[in-house]
Protein backbone atom coordinates (compact mmCIF):
# COMPACT_ATOMS: atom_id res chain seq x y z
CA UNK A 1 -131.37 43.43 -129.28
CA UNK A 2 -132.89 44.28 -132.66
CA UNK A 3 -136.49 43.30 -133.48
CA UNK A 4 -136.36 40.30 -135.78
CA UNK A 5 -138.85 38.34 -137.81
CA UNK A 6 -140.65 41.42 -138.99
CA UNK A 7 -139.93 41.08 -142.69
CA UNK A 8 -139.72 38.29 -145.28
CA UNK A 9 -135.97 37.71 -145.22
CA UNK A 10 -135.95 37.15 -141.45
CA UNK A 11 -138.82 34.66 -141.77
CA UNK A 12 -137.26 33.02 -144.79
CA UNK A 13 -133.88 32.35 -143.18
CA UNK A 14 -135.38 30.90 -140.06
CA UNK A 15 -137.68 28.61 -142.11
CA UNK A 16 -134.78 27.75 -144.36
CA UNK A 17 -132.71 26.50 -141.37
CA UNK A 18 -135.65 24.78 -139.72
CA UNK A 19 -136.14 22.77 -143.02
CA UNK A 20 -132.57 21.44 -142.58
CA UNK A 21 -131.12 23.48 -145.42
CA UNK A 22 -127.58 24.73 -145.12
CA UNK A 23 -127.07 27.27 -147.90
CA UNK A 24 -129.05 30.30 -148.83
CA UNK A 25 -127.94 32.74 -151.51
CA UNK A 26 -128.75 36.28 -150.30
CA UNK A 27 -128.54 39.13 -152.80
CA UNK A 28 -126.93 41.79 -150.73
CA UNK A 29 -124.94 42.57 -147.64
CA UNK A 30 -127.99 44.16 -146.10
CA UNK A 31 -129.93 40.91 -146.43
CA UNK A 32 -126.99 38.98 -144.96
CA UNK A 33 -126.90 41.22 -141.93
CA UNK A 34 -130.65 41.08 -141.44
CA UNK A 35 -130.60 37.27 -141.76
CA UNK A 36 -127.73 37.00 -139.34
CA UNK A 37 -129.52 39.10 -136.74
CA UNK A 38 -132.70 37.07 -137.16
CA UNK A 39 -130.70 33.83 -136.67
CA UNK A 40 -129.10 35.13 -133.51
CA UNK A 41 -132.41 36.36 -132.16
CA UNK A 42 -134.13 33.05 -132.84
CA UNK A 43 -131.19 31.05 -131.41
CA UNK A 44 -131.45 33.01 -128.13
CA UNK A 45 -135.15 32.38 -128.02
CA UNK A 46 -135.24 28.71 -128.98
CA UNK A 47 -132.53 26.28 -127.82
CA UNK A 48 -133.71 23.57 -130.25
CA UNK A 49 -133.30 26.02 -133.14
CA UNK A 50 -129.83 26.92 -131.88
CA UNK A 51 -128.88 23.23 -132.05
CA UNK A 52 -130.28 23.03 -135.56
CA UNK A 53 -128.10 26.03 -136.63
CA UNK A 54 -125.05 24.27 -135.18
CA UNK A 55 -125.91 21.10 -137.11
CA UNK A 56 -126.28 23.13 -140.32
CA UNK A 57 -122.94 24.80 -139.71
CA UNK A 58 -121.19 21.42 -139.21
CA UNK A 59 -122.77 20.00 -142.41
CA UNK A 60 -121.76 23.08 -144.42
CA UNK A 61 -118.20 22.79 -143.18
CA UNK A 62 -118.13 19.09 -144.04
CA UNK A 63 -119.47 19.80 -147.55
CA UNK A 64 -116.85 22.49 -147.97
CA UNK A 65 -114.08 19.98 -147.09
CA UNK A 66 -115.50 17.35 -149.40
CA UNK A 67 -115.73 19.78 -152.30
CA UNK A 68 -112.29 21.33 -151.78
CA UNK A 69 -110.75 17.84 -151.72
CA UNK A 70 -112.52 16.66 -154.87
CA UNK A 71 -110.21 16.24 -157.92
CA UNK A 72 -112.82 17.90 -160.18
CA UNK A 73 -113.05 20.93 -157.93
CA UNK A 74 -109.24 21.28 -157.76
CA UNK A 75 -108.92 20.85 -161.51
CA UNK A 76 -111.52 23.40 -162.38
CA UNK A 77 -111.39 25.88 -159.59
CA UNK A 78 -107.78 25.61 -158.41
CA UNK A 79 -108.53 24.91 -154.82
CA UNK A 80 -105.63 23.55 -152.74
């Protein structure tokens, strides 16, 4: 298991999810991998946080479905 929460991106992603946010734009693949590892580490450590991540995931999927079904989205972005 990698050491997590030792740099700002790891702390930021955990705080972001704890604040009930669902999306975070990360600037590079390296940040995405570090954030993912931090989330996994924190989920193993804290069951309540793990539930929060699952809730965020469900909300993100619901938003994705709503957006992809919206006539405006389909007209402007060609989603099917």
